[in-house]
Structure formats: C-alpha cells, structure tokens
N, C-alpha and C. Protein backbone atom coordinates (compact mmCIF):
# COMPACT_ATOMS: atom_id res chain seq x y z
N MET A 1 96.66 149.27 79.26
CA MET A 1 97.40 149.10 78.00
C MET A 1 98.90 149.21 78.27
N ILE A 2 99.66 148.26 77.74
CA ILE A 2 101.10 148.30 77.98
C ILE A 2 101.75 149.34 77.08
N SER A 3 102.90 149.85 77.53
CA SER A 3 103.64 150.85 76.77
C SER A 3 104.49 150.18 75.70
N LEU A 4 104.95 150.99 74.75
CA LEU A 4 105.84 150.47 73.71
C LEU A 4 107.13 149.96 74.32
N ALA A 5 107.62 150.66 75.36
CA ALA A 5 108.85 150.23 76.03
C ALA A 5 108.67 148.86 76.67
N ALA A 6 107.52 148.64 77.31
CA ALA A 6 107.26 147.35 77.94
C ALA A 6 107.13 146.26 76.90
N ALA A 7 106.44 146.55 75.79
CA ALA A 7 106.26 145.56 74.73
C ALA A 7 107.59 145.18 74.09
N SER A 8 108.41 146.18 73.78
CA SER A 8 109.71 145.89 73.17
C SER A 8 110.64 145.20 74.15
N GLY A 9 110.57 145.58 75.42
CA GLY A 9 111.39 144.93 76.44
C GLY A 9 111.02 143.47 76.59
N MET A 10 109.72 143.18 76.59
CA MET A 10 109.25 141.81 76.69
C MET A 10 109.71 140.99 75.48
N ALA A 11 109.61 141.59 74.29
CA ALA A 11 110.03 140.90 73.08
C ALA A 11 111.53 140.60 73.11
N LEU A 12 112.32 141.54 73.61
CA LEU A 12 113.77 141.36 73.67
C LEU A 12 114.15 140.26 74.65
N VAL A 13 113.50 140.26 75.82
CA VAL A 13 113.77 139.21 76.81
C VAL A 13 113.41 137.85 76.25
N GLU A 14 112.24 137.74 75.62
CA GLU A 14 111.83 136.44 75.07
C GLU A 14 112.75 136.00 73.94
N LEU A 15 113.25 136.95 73.15
CA LEU A 15 114.19 136.59 72.10
C LEU A 15 115.43 135.93 72.69
N GLY A 16 115.97 136.54 73.76
CA GLY A 16 117.13 135.95 74.43
C GLY A 16 116.81 134.60 75.03
N MET A 17 115.62 134.48 75.65
CA MET A 17 115.23 133.21 76.26
C MET A 17 115.05 132.13 75.19
N ALA A 18 114.42 132.52 74.06
CA ALA A 18 114.14 131.54 73.01
C ALA A 18 115.42 131.01 72.39
N LEU A 19 116.47 131.84 72.37
CA LEU A 19 117.74 131.43 71.77
C LEU A 19 118.67 130.76 72.77
N THR A 20 118.23 130.65 74.02
CA THR A 20 119.04 130.01 75.06
C THR A 20 118.63 128.55 75.19
N PRO A 21 119.56 127.61 75.08
CA PRO A 21 119.21 126.19 75.17
C PRO A 21 118.48 125.86 76.46
N GLY A 22 117.42 125.11 76.34
CA GLY A 22 116.64 124.66 77.48
C GLY A 22 115.85 123.43 77.06
N PRO A 23 115.04 122.88 77.95
CA PRO A 23 114.29 121.66 77.61
C PRO A 23 113.47 121.78 76.34
N ASN A 24 112.76 122.90 76.18
CA ASN A 24 111.93 123.08 74.98
C ASN A 24 112.77 123.06 73.71
N MET A 25 113.81 123.91 73.67
CA MET A 25 114.59 124.04 72.45
C MET A 25 115.34 122.76 72.12
N VAL A 26 115.93 122.13 73.12
CA VAL A 26 116.65 120.88 72.87
C VAL A 26 115.71 119.83 72.29
N TYR A 27 114.50 119.74 72.85
CA TYR A 27 113.54 118.75 72.35
C TYR A 27 113.09 119.10 70.93
N LEU A 28 112.73 120.36 70.68
CA LEU A 28 112.21 120.76 69.37
C LEU A 28 113.26 120.58 68.27
N VAL A 29 114.48 121.01 68.54
CA VAL A 29 115.53 120.88 67.52
C VAL A 29 115.88 119.42 67.30
N SER A 30 116.01 118.66 68.37
CA SER A 30 116.32 117.24 68.24
C SER A 30 115.24 116.52 67.45
N ARG A 31 113.99 116.85 67.76
CA ARG A 31 112.87 116.22 67.05
C ARG A 31 112.88 116.59 65.57
N SER A 32 113.17 117.84 65.27
CA SER A 32 113.19 118.29 63.88
C SER A 32 114.29 117.61 63.09
N ILE A 33 115.46 117.46 63.71
CA ILE A 33 116.59 116.84 63.02
C ILE A 33 116.35 115.34 62.81
N SER A 34 115.75 114.68 63.81
CA SER A 34 115.60 113.23 63.74
C SER A 34 114.35 112.79 62.97
N GLN A 35 113.28 113.64 62.94
CA GLN A 35 112.03 113.21 62.33
C GLN A 35 111.47 114.20 61.31
N GLY A 36 112.12 115.33 61.11
CA GLY A 36 111.66 116.28 60.11
C GLY A 36 110.95 117.48 60.70
N TRP A 37 110.82 118.54 59.87
CA TRP A 37 110.26 119.81 60.37
C TRP A 37 108.79 119.69 60.75
N ARG A 38 108.04 118.81 60.11
CA ARG A 38 106.62 118.66 60.47
C ARG A 38 106.47 118.15 61.90
N ALA A 39 107.34 117.23 62.29
CA ALA A 39 107.32 116.73 63.66
C ALA A 39 107.69 117.84 64.64
N GLY A 40 108.66 118.68 64.24
CA GLY A 40 109.02 119.80 65.08
C GLY A 40 107.87 120.77 65.26
N MET A 41 107.13 121.04 64.19
CA MET A 41 106.00 121.96 64.26
C MET A 41 104.87 121.40 65.11
N MET A 42 104.63 120.10 65.03
CA MET A 42 103.59 119.50 65.87
C MET A 42 103.98 119.59 67.34
N SER A 43 105.25 119.37 67.63
CA SER A 43 105.72 119.52 69.00
C SER A 43 105.60 120.97 69.46
N LEU A 44 105.87 121.90 68.55
CA LEU A 44 105.78 123.33 68.87
C LEU A 44 104.34 123.73 69.19
N ALA A 45 103.37 123.11 68.53
CA ALA A 45 101.96 123.39 68.84
C ALA A 45 101.65 123.03 70.29
N GLY A 46 102.17 121.90 70.75
CA GLY A 46 101.99 121.53 72.15
C GLY A 46 102.67 122.51 73.09
N THR A 47 103.85 122.98 72.68
CA THR A 47 104.57 123.98 73.48
C THR A 47 103.75 125.26 73.61
N ALA A 48 103.10 125.68 72.53
CA ALA A 48 102.29 126.90 72.55
C ALA A 48 101.14 126.77 73.54
N VAL A 49 100.48 125.62 73.56
CA VAL A 49 99.39 125.40 74.51
C VAL A 49 99.92 125.45 75.95
N GLY A 50 101.10 124.92 76.15
CA GLY A 50 101.70 124.99 77.49
C GLY A 50 101.92 126.42 77.93
N PHE A 51 102.36 127.30 77.01
CA PHE A 51 102.55 128.71 77.33
C PHE A 51 101.21 129.36 77.71
N VAL A 52 100.15 129.03 76.98
CA VAL A 52 98.83 129.60 77.28
C VAL A 52 98.38 129.19 78.67
N VAL A 53 98.62 127.92 79.03
CA VAL A 53 98.26 127.45 80.38
C VAL A 53 99.01 128.24 81.45
N TYR A 54 100.32 128.39 81.28
CA TYR A 54 101.12 129.16 82.23
C TYR A 54 100.64 130.61 82.30
N MET A 55 100.38 131.22 81.14
CA MET A 55 99.97 132.62 81.10
C MET A 55 98.68 132.83 81.87
N THR A 56 97.71 131.95 81.67
CA THR A 56 96.42 132.09 82.35
C THR A 56 96.56 131.92 83.85
N MET A 57 97.24 130.88 84.28
CA MET A 57 97.39 130.61 85.71
C MET A 57 98.18 131.72 86.40
N ALA A 58 99.28 132.15 85.77
CA ALA A 58 100.13 133.17 86.40
C ALA A 58 99.42 134.51 86.49
N ASN A 59 98.77 134.93 85.42
CA ASN A 59 98.13 136.25 85.43
C ASN A 59 96.99 136.34 86.43
N LEU A 60 96.15 135.33 86.48
CA LEU A 60 95.02 135.37 87.40
C LEU A 60 95.48 135.25 88.85
N GLY A 61 96.56 134.50 89.08
CA GLY A 61 97.04 134.35 90.45
C GLY A 61 97.88 135.52 90.93
N LEU A 62 98.80 136.01 90.08
CA LEU A 62 99.71 137.07 90.52
C LEU A 62 99.00 138.39 90.75
N ALA A 63 97.94 138.67 90.02
CA ALA A 63 97.22 139.93 90.21
C ALA A 63 96.72 140.05 91.64
N ALA A 64 96.17 138.96 92.18
CA ALA A 64 95.67 138.98 93.55
C ALA A 64 96.81 139.05 94.56
N VAL A 65 97.89 138.32 94.28
CA VAL A 65 99.03 138.29 95.21
C VAL A 65 99.67 139.67 95.33
N PHE A 66 99.82 140.39 94.22
CA PHE A 66 100.46 141.71 94.25
C PHE A 66 99.67 142.69 95.12
N ILE A 67 98.36 142.54 95.14
CA ILE A 67 97.53 143.43 95.96
C ILE A 67 97.72 143.13 97.44
N VAL A 68 97.78 141.86 97.79
CA VAL A 68 97.90 141.46 99.19
C VAL A 68 99.34 141.63 99.70
N VAL A 69 100.32 141.33 98.84
CA VAL A 69 101.73 141.39 99.24
C VAL A 69 102.49 142.29 98.26
N PRO A 70 102.42 143.61 98.42
CA PRO A 70 103.03 144.52 97.45
C PRO A 70 104.54 144.33 97.27
N TRP A 71 105.27 144.00 98.36
CA TRP A 71 106.72 143.87 98.26
C TRP A 71 107.14 142.71 97.37
N LEU A 72 106.21 141.75 97.15
CA LEU A 72 106.54 140.61 96.32
C LEU A 72 106.82 141.04 94.88
N TYR A 73 106.21 142.15 94.46
CA TYR A 73 106.42 142.68 93.11
C TYR A 73 107.90 142.97 92.88
N THR A 74 108.50 143.72 93.83
CA THR A 74 109.93 144.04 93.71
C THR A 74 110.79 142.79 93.85
N ALA A 75 110.39 141.87 94.73
CA ALA A 75 111.16 140.64 94.92
C ALA A 75 111.19 139.82 93.63
N LEU A 76 110.07 139.76 92.92
CA LEU A 76 110.04 139.01 91.68
C LEU A 76 110.87 139.68 90.60
N LYS A 77 110.88 141.02 90.60
CA LYS A 77 111.71 141.74 89.64
C LYS A 77 113.18 141.41 89.85
N VAL A 78 113.62 141.40 91.12
CA VAL A 78 115.01 141.06 91.42
C VAL A 78 115.31 139.61 91.03
N ALA A 79 114.39 138.71 91.36
CA ALA A 79 114.59 137.30 91.03
C ALA A 79 114.70 137.10 89.52
N GLY A 80 113.87 137.82 88.76
CA GLY A 80 113.93 137.70 87.31
C GLY A 80 115.25 138.18 86.75
N ALA A 81 115.74 139.30 87.27
CA ALA A 81 117.02 139.84 86.81
C ALA A 81 118.16 138.87 87.12
N VAL A 82 118.14 138.30 88.32
CA VAL A 82 119.18 137.33 88.71
C VAL A 82 119.15 136.11 87.80
N TYR A 83 117.95 135.65 87.47
CA TYR A 83 117.83 134.48 86.61
C TYR A 83 118.40 134.74 85.22
N LEU A 84 118.14 135.92 84.66
CA LEU A 84 118.69 136.26 83.36
C LEU A 84 120.22 136.29 83.40
N LEU A 85 120.77 136.84 84.47
CA LEU A 85 122.23 136.88 84.61
C LEU A 85 122.81 135.47 84.74
N TRP A 86 122.10 134.60 85.43
CA TRP A 86 122.54 133.20 85.58
C TRP A 86 122.52 132.50 84.23
N LEU A 87 121.47 132.72 83.42
CA LEU A 87 121.40 132.14 82.09
C LEU A 87 122.55 132.65 81.22
N ALA A 88 122.85 133.95 81.34
CA ALA A 88 123.95 134.53 80.57
C ALA A 88 125.26 133.86 80.95
N TYR A 89 125.47 133.65 82.25
CA TYR A 89 126.70 132.99 82.71
C TYR A 89 126.80 131.57 82.16
N LYS A 90 125.70 130.82 82.22
CA LYS A 90 125.71 129.44 81.74
C LYS A 90 126.04 129.38 80.25
N THR A 91 125.55 130.38 79.50
CA THR A 91 125.78 130.39 78.07
C THR A 91 127.20 130.81 77.71
N LEU A 92 127.75 131.77 78.47
CA LEU A 92 129.05 132.34 78.14
C LEU A 92 130.23 131.57 78.72
N ARG A 93 130.00 130.79 79.76
CA ARG A 93 131.12 130.10 80.40
C ARG A 93 131.75 129.09 79.44
N PRO A 94 133.05 128.78 79.64
CA PRO A 94 133.71 127.78 78.79
C PRO A 94 132.96 126.45 78.83
N GLY A 95 132.71 125.90 77.67
CA GLY A 95 131.97 124.65 77.60
C GLY A 95 130.48 124.82 77.71
N GLY A 96 129.98 126.07 77.67
CA GLY A 96 128.55 126.31 77.75
C GLY A 96 127.81 125.64 76.62
N MET A 97 126.58 125.28 76.88
CA MET A 97 125.80 124.52 75.90
C MET A 97 125.39 125.40 74.74
N SER A 98 125.45 124.86 73.54
CA SER A 98 125.02 125.58 72.35
C SER A 98 123.65 125.08 71.91
N LEU A 99 122.98 125.91 71.14
CA LEU A 99 121.60 125.66 70.77
C LEU A 99 121.40 124.37 69.99
N PHE A 100 122.39 123.97 69.20
CA PHE A 100 122.20 122.84 68.31
C PHE A 100 122.98 121.60 68.73
N GLU A 101 123.27 121.48 70.03
CA GLU A 101 123.82 120.24 70.56
C GLU A 101 122.63 119.36 70.91
N THR A 102 122.29 118.44 70.03
CA THR A 102 121.04 117.71 70.14
C THR A 102 121.28 116.23 70.41
N GLN A 103 120.15 115.52 70.61
CA GLN A 103 120.21 114.09 70.84
C GLN A 103 119.26 113.39 69.88
N ASP A 104 119.59 112.16 69.52
CA ASP A 104 118.73 111.39 68.64
C ASP A 104 117.50 110.92 69.41
N LEU A 105 116.34 110.93 68.73
CA LEU A 105 115.08 110.53 69.35
C LEU A 105 114.35 109.55 68.44
N PRO A 106 113.58 108.62 69.01
CA PRO A 106 112.79 107.70 68.17
C PRO A 106 111.63 108.44 67.50
N ARG A 107 111.10 107.89 66.40
CA ARG A 107 109.98 108.51 65.70
C ARG A 107 108.70 108.31 66.50
N ASP A 108 107.87 109.35 66.57
CA ASP A 108 106.62 109.31 67.33
C ASP A 108 105.45 109.76 66.47
N THR A 109 104.24 109.42 66.92
CA THR A 109 103.03 109.83 66.21
C THR A 109 102.77 111.32 66.44
N ALA A 110 101.87 111.90 65.63
CA ALA A 110 101.54 113.32 65.77
C ALA A 110 100.97 113.62 67.16
N GLY A 111 100.10 112.74 67.64
CA GLY A 111 99.51 112.95 68.96
C GLY A 111 100.55 112.95 70.06
N LYS A 112 101.48 112.02 69.98
CA LYS A 112 102.52 111.96 71.01
C LYS A 112 103.46 113.15 70.90
N LEU A 113 103.74 113.59 69.67
CA LEU A 113 104.58 114.77 69.50
C LEU A 113 103.95 115.98 70.17
N PHE A 114 102.63 116.16 69.96
CA PHE A 114 101.92 117.28 70.58
C PHE A 114 101.97 117.18 72.10
N ARG A 115 101.67 116.00 72.62
CA ARG A 115 101.66 115.81 74.08
C ARG A 115 103.04 116.02 74.67
N MET A 116 104.07 115.53 73.99
CA MET A 116 105.43 115.71 74.51
C MET A 116 105.84 117.18 74.50
N GLY A 117 105.44 117.92 73.46
CA GLY A 117 105.72 119.35 73.44
C GLY A 117 105.03 120.06 74.58
N LEU A 118 103.77 119.67 74.84
CA LEU A 118 103.01 120.27 75.94
C LEU A 118 103.64 119.95 77.29
N VAL A 119 103.91 118.67 77.53
CA VAL A 119 104.47 118.25 78.82
C VAL A 119 105.86 118.83 79.04
N THR A 120 106.68 118.82 77.98
CA THR A 120 108.03 119.37 78.12
C THR A 120 107.97 120.83 78.54
N ASN A 121 107.03 121.58 77.99
CA ASN A 121 106.92 122.99 78.33
C ASN A 121 106.36 123.18 79.74
N LEU A 122 105.35 122.40 80.11
CA LEU A 122 104.77 122.53 81.45
C LEU A 122 105.78 122.18 82.53
N LEU A 123 106.73 121.31 82.22
CA LEU A 123 107.76 120.92 83.19
C LEU A 123 109.04 121.72 83.02
N ASN A 124 109.01 122.72 82.16
CA ASN A 124 110.19 123.52 81.86
C ASN A 124 110.35 124.66 82.87
N PRO A 125 111.42 124.68 83.66
CA PRO A 125 111.59 125.76 84.64
C PRO A 125 111.72 127.13 83.99
N LYS A 126 112.24 127.18 82.75
CA LYS A 126 112.34 128.46 82.06
C LYS A 126 110.96 129.06 81.81
N ALA A 127 109.99 128.22 81.46
CA ALA A 127 108.63 128.71 81.21
C ALA A 127 108.00 129.22 82.50
N ALA A 128 108.19 128.48 83.58
CA ALA A 128 107.62 128.90 84.87
C ALA A 128 108.22 130.23 85.32
N ILE A 129 109.53 130.36 85.22
CA ILE A 129 110.19 131.59 85.65
C ILE A 129 109.80 132.75 84.75
N MET A 130 109.61 132.49 83.45
CA MET A 130 109.18 133.55 82.54
C MET A 130 107.90 134.21 83.02
N TYR A 131 106.93 133.41 83.42
CA TYR A 131 105.64 133.96 83.81
C TYR A 131 105.58 134.41 85.27
N LEU A 132 106.36 133.78 86.12
CA LEU A 132 106.30 134.14 87.53
C LEU A 132 107.26 135.26 87.92
N ALA A 133 108.35 135.41 87.15
CA ALA A 133 109.36 136.40 87.57
C ALA A 133 109.74 137.40 86.49
N LEU A 134 109.65 137.04 85.22
CA LEU A 134 110.13 137.94 84.18
C LEU A 134 109.03 138.82 83.59
N ILE A 135 107.88 138.25 83.27
CA ILE A 135 106.79 139.08 82.73
C ILE A 135 106.37 140.16 83.71
N PRO A 136 106.30 139.90 85.03
CA PRO A 136 105.95 140.98 85.97
C PRO A 136 106.92 142.16 85.94
N GLN A 137 108.13 141.95 85.39
CA GLN A 137 109.08 143.06 85.28
C GLN A 137 108.49 144.21 84.46
N PHE A 138 107.63 143.89 83.52
CA PHE A 138 107.14 144.87 82.57
C PHE A 138 105.70 145.30 82.84
N VAL A 139 105.16 144.87 83.97
CA VAL A 139 103.82 145.29 84.37
C VAL A 139 103.91 146.58 85.17
N ASP A 140 103.17 147.58 84.75
CA ASP A 140 103.14 148.87 85.44
C ASP A 140 101.83 148.95 86.22
N GLN A 141 101.93 148.87 87.55
CA GLN A 141 100.73 148.84 88.37
C GLN A 141 99.92 150.14 88.29
N GLY A 142 100.54 151.20 87.78
CA GLY A 142 99.83 152.46 87.65
C GLY A 142 99.28 152.70 86.26
N ALA A 143 99.38 151.69 85.38
CA ALA A 143 98.97 151.87 83.99
C ALA A 143 97.71 151.11 83.63
N GLY A 144 96.90 150.80 84.64
CA GLY A 144 95.64 150.13 84.34
C GLY A 144 95.60 148.70 84.83
N ASN A 145 94.67 147.94 84.30
CA ASN A 145 94.39 146.58 84.72
C ASN A 145 95.64 145.70 84.61
N VAL A 146 96.07 145.16 85.75
CA VAL A 146 97.29 144.34 85.79
C VAL A 146 97.09 143.03 85.03
N VAL A 147 95.90 142.45 85.16
CA VAL A 147 95.63 141.18 84.46
C VAL A 147 95.68 141.38 82.95
N ALA A 148 95.06 142.46 82.47
CA ALA A 148 95.07 142.74 81.03
C ALA A 148 96.50 142.95 80.53
N GLN A 149 97.31 143.68 81.30
CA GLN A 149 98.71 143.87 80.92
C GLN A 149 99.44 142.54 80.85
N GLY A 150 99.18 141.67 81.83
CA GLY A 150 99.83 140.37 81.86
C GLY A 150 99.50 139.54 80.63
N PHE A 151 98.23 139.58 80.21
CA PHE A 151 97.84 138.81 79.02
C PHE A 151 98.44 139.42 77.75
N GLN A 152 98.52 140.74 77.68
CA GLN A 152 99.13 141.37 76.52
C GLN A 152 100.62 141.02 76.43
N LEU A 153 101.31 141.11 77.56
CA LEU A 153 102.73 140.76 77.59
C LEU A 153 102.93 139.27 77.28
N GLY A 154 102.04 138.44 77.82
CA GLY A 154 102.12 137.01 77.54
C GLY A 154 101.91 136.70 76.07
N ALA A 155 100.99 137.44 75.43
CA ALA A 155 100.74 137.23 74.00
C ALA A 155 101.98 137.59 73.18
N ILE A 156 102.68 138.66 73.59
CA ILE A 156 103.92 139.04 72.90
C ILE A 156 104.97 137.95 73.09
N GLN A 157 105.09 137.47 74.31
CA GLN A 157 106.07 136.40 74.59
C GLN A 157 105.80 135.17 73.74
N ILE A 158 104.54 134.75 73.67
CA ILE A 158 104.20 133.56 72.91
C ILE A 158 104.46 133.78 71.42
N ALA A 159 104.10 134.97 70.91
CA ALA A 159 104.30 135.26 69.49
C ALA A 159 105.78 135.20 69.12
N VAL A 160 106.63 135.81 69.96
CA VAL A 160 108.07 135.79 69.69
C VAL A 160 108.62 134.37 69.79
N ALA A 161 108.18 133.64 70.82
CA ALA A 161 108.65 132.27 71.02
C ALA A 161 108.28 131.39 69.83
N MET A 162 107.04 131.50 69.36
CA MET A 162 106.60 130.67 68.24
C MET A 162 107.34 131.05 66.95
N ALA A 163 107.55 132.35 66.73
CA ALA A 163 108.25 132.79 65.51
C ALA A 163 109.69 132.29 65.50
N VAL A 164 110.40 132.51 66.61
CA VAL A 164 111.80 132.09 66.69
C VAL A 164 111.93 130.58 66.58
N ASN A 165 111.12 129.87 67.36
CA ASN A 165 111.20 128.41 67.34
C ASN A 165 110.79 127.85 65.99
N GLY A 166 109.79 128.47 65.35
CA GLY A 166 109.36 128.00 64.04
C GLY A 166 110.46 128.10 63.01
N VAL A 167 111.15 129.24 62.99
CA VAL A 167 112.26 129.43 62.05
C VAL A 167 113.37 128.43 62.32
N ILE A 168 113.69 128.23 63.60
CA ILE A 168 114.77 127.30 63.95
C ILE A 168 114.39 125.87 63.58
N ILE A 169 113.12 125.50 63.78
CA ILE A 169 112.67 124.15 63.41
C ILE A 169 112.83 123.92 61.91
N LEU A 170 112.41 124.91 61.10
CA LEU A 170 112.48 124.77 59.66
C LEU A 170 113.93 124.64 59.16
N ALA A 171 114.84 125.30 59.87
CA ALA A 171 116.23 125.31 59.41
C ALA A 171 117.15 124.44 60.27
N ALA A 172 116.57 123.67 61.19
CA ALA A 172 117.39 122.97 62.20
C ALA A 172 118.44 122.07 61.58
N GLY A 173 118.04 121.25 60.62
CA GLY A 173 118.99 120.30 60.06
C GLY A 173 120.18 120.98 59.40
N SER A 174 119.90 121.93 58.52
CA SER A 174 120.99 122.59 57.80
C SER A 174 121.84 123.45 58.73
N ILE A 175 121.20 124.11 59.71
CA ILE A 175 121.96 124.93 60.66
C ILE A 175 122.87 124.06 61.52
N ALA A 176 122.37 122.91 61.97
CA ALA A 176 123.17 122.02 62.82
C ALA A 176 124.42 121.55 62.08
N VAL A 177 124.24 121.15 60.81
CA VAL A 177 125.38 120.70 60.02
C VAL A 177 126.38 121.84 59.83
N PHE A 178 125.87 123.03 59.52
CA PHE A 178 126.74 124.19 59.30
C PHE A 178 127.55 124.52 60.55
N LEU A 179 126.87 124.56 61.70
CA LEU A 179 127.56 124.94 62.94
C LEU A 179 128.56 123.87 63.38
N GLN A 180 128.26 122.62 63.10
CA GLN A 180 129.21 121.57 63.46
C GLN A 180 130.48 121.67 62.62
N ARG A 181 130.33 122.18 61.40
CA ARG A 181 131.49 122.34 60.53
C ARG A 181 132.21 123.66 60.80
N LYS A 182 131.52 124.60 61.43
CA LYS A 182 132.08 125.93 61.68
C LYS A 182 132.02 126.24 63.18
N PRO A 183 132.92 125.68 63.99
CA PRO A 183 132.86 125.88 65.44
C PRO A 183 132.92 127.35 65.85
N MET A 184 133.55 128.19 65.04
CA MET A 184 133.61 129.61 65.38
C MET A 184 132.22 130.23 65.40
N TRP A 185 131.35 129.82 64.47
CA TRP A 185 129.97 130.34 64.45
C TRP A 185 129.19 129.81 65.64
N MET A 186 129.49 128.59 66.07
CA MET A 186 128.85 128.03 67.25
C MET A 186 129.18 128.89 68.46
N ARG A 187 130.44 129.30 68.60
CA ARG A 187 130.85 130.16 69.71
C ARG A 187 130.20 131.54 69.60
N TRP A 188 130.09 132.04 68.36
CA TRP A 188 129.47 133.36 68.16
C TRP A 188 128.02 133.35 68.60
N GLN A 189 127.30 132.25 68.28
CA GLN A 189 125.90 132.14 68.69
C GLN A 189 125.77 132.16 70.21
N ARG A 190 126.67 131.45 70.90
CA ARG A 190 126.65 131.42 72.35
C ARG A 190 126.93 132.80 72.93
N TRP A 191 127.94 133.48 72.38
CA TRP A 191 128.32 134.79 72.91
C TRP A 191 127.24 135.83 72.64
N ALA A 192 126.63 135.80 71.46
CA ALA A 192 125.58 136.76 71.15
C ALA A 192 124.38 136.58 72.08
N THR A 193 123.97 135.33 72.28
CA THR A 193 122.84 135.05 73.16
C THR A 193 123.16 135.42 74.61
N GLY A 194 124.33 135.00 75.09
CA GLY A 194 124.72 135.29 76.47
C GLY A 194 124.84 136.77 76.74
N THR A 195 125.41 137.52 75.79
CA THR A 195 125.55 138.97 75.96
C THR A 195 124.19 139.66 76.02
N LEU A 196 123.27 139.23 75.16
CA LEU A 196 121.92 139.80 75.16
C LEU A 196 121.23 139.58 76.49
N LEU A 197 121.28 138.35 76.99
CA LEU A 197 120.65 138.05 78.28
C LEU A 197 121.30 138.83 79.41
N GLY A 198 122.64 138.91 79.39
CA GLY A 198 123.34 139.62 80.45
C GLY A 198 123.00 141.10 80.45
N ALA A 199 122.92 141.72 79.27
CA ALA A 199 122.61 143.15 79.19
C ALA A 199 121.21 143.44 79.72
N VAL A 200 120.24 142.61 79.33
CA VAL A 200 118.87 142.82 79.82
C VAL A 200 118.81 142.56 81.32
N GLY A 201 119.52 141.53 81.80
CA GLY A 201 119.53 141.23 83.22
C GLY A 201 120.09 142.37 84.06
N VAL A 202 121.18 142.99 83.59
CA VAL A 202 121.77 144.12 84.31
C VAL A 202 120.79 145.29 84.36
N LYS A 203 120.15 145.57 83.22
CA LYS A 203 119.20 146.69 83.18
C LYS A 203 118.04 146.45 84.13
N LEU A 204 117.50 145.23 84.14
CA LEU A 204 116.38 144.94 85.03
C LEU A 204 116.81 145.00 86.50
N ALA A 205 118.04 144.59 86.78
CA ALA A 205 118.54 144.66 88.16
C ALA A 205 118.64 146.11 88.61
N LEU A 206 119.10 146.99 87.73
CA LEU A 206 119.22 148.41 88.07
C LEU A 206 117.85 149.06 88.24
N ASP A 207 116.87 148.58 87.47
CA ASP A 207 115.53 149.17 87.52
C ASP A 207 114.61 148.47 88.52
N ALA A 208 115.12 147.45 89.20
CA ALA A 208 114.25 146.59 90.02
C ALA A 208 113.37 147.34 91.02
N PRO A 209 113.84 148.37 91.73
CA PRO A 209 112.96 149.02 92.71
C PRO A 209 111.83 149.82 92.09
N VAL A 210 111.87 150.03 90.75
CA VAL A 210 110.87 150.89 90.11
C VAL A 210 109.98 150.03 89.21
N PRO A 211 108.66 150.11 89.32
CA PRO A 211 107.77 149.34 88.44
C PRO A 211 108.08 149.63 86.98
N ALA A 212 108.15 148.55 86.17
CA ALA A 212 108.48 148.71 84.76
C ALA A 212 107.48 149.61 84.07
N GLY A 213 108.00 150.48 83.20
CA GLY A 213 107.15 151.35 82.44
C GLY A 213 106.85 152.67 83.12
N SER A 214 107.29 152.85 84.40
CA SER A 214 106.98 154.08 85.11
C SER A 214 107.93 155.18 84.76
N GLY A 215 109.08 154.81 84.12
CA GLY A 215 110.04 155.83 83.76
C GLY A 215 110.06 156.01 82.29
C-alpha cells in the first residue's frame, strides 16, 4: 500500500506534467478549439487507454528489473529528477511554449479521434518517462508489493491527468481567447507551471539516493 506522501507526491508531479505543453496537450487543446469539446473528449479517451498500456507494461517489467539490477532504481530516480528540471527550464526560458499555443486541425471522425489520442500518447516521450523514470520515484521497495504500488501510483497519475485535461478541454476555446488577449496571464501560467516542476525536481534530486516513502 502506498503512503499518503507518495500519493500526494505523485499527484503533484502529474499536475505539473499535465500543465506542461507536450504532444498530448497540444493535440487535445488544438482539437477542442478546432472541432469542439466532444472531439477533445474522444481524443482524451484514447489518451487514457495509452496511459493504461504504459502503466501495465512498465509495472510488470520494472518490478523484475529492480530485483535483478538494484542500482537501476536510484539511476531512474536521478533521471526522473533531471527530466523534471529540464521541463521546468523549457517552460521558464524566454520564449518558452505556453499551453494554449495551438494549431488548426482538420475535422475527423470519432474513431479517428480516439485512435489519434491513443497513438499520440503511445508516441509521447513524456508518457514514457512518466512511467519509466518518475513513477518509480514514489515506489518504496520496503512497503510491500512493488507491482501493486506501481498500479496504485499509475491510477493516481491517470486520474489527475484525465481530470486536468478534461477541464482544459471543456474550457479550451474561451481560455485560449482570454490568454491571447492577456499576455501577462500567459506568462503567469508558464511561470507557475515551470516553478512547480522545478521545485519537485529539486526535491526528488535531493532525495534520489533514498527510496521514496522511506522517510
């Protein structure tokens, strides 16, 4: 069973990741603005299935790897912390990408929207790194079944991702117009997201030699 600290830490990391522009978010917001919130939600359903695929493959594979190669656990913790700091830098640097800088897309059928959401997520490096390097940060090898912990943490990640993305999809059009008219709020969104990712990245880097949840 995961601890409250691990659960809240996972939720916080996913919140920062969900608010950081990437292939999934750019596609979902662009689709919502160009074709409506229903199209965004159908694409989000495909994204959710992609997360489940990653969660299953990563949890079943990493559990065995950690037993055979114990040092890989610490290596992945360090890699995850570095990745969060890199995302923070990309968001905070001058000219960094904002969440609602979107592109126009042609109208697609419900089936294609679902498939594109699924494929976009499966090919998304952020999703791969989330399961291979970030979720293991919060697994405590001394707190019971590692696979069960991985699935619990993955369920939290998916729940937060779906909630955040769902809200953004529903409000994408009005938010995009508002932010385009208010560049100061656009900068605030970038700074808030970048600061959150940077703070979590620093904490994970400092805690890297110690299995998450042991303190």
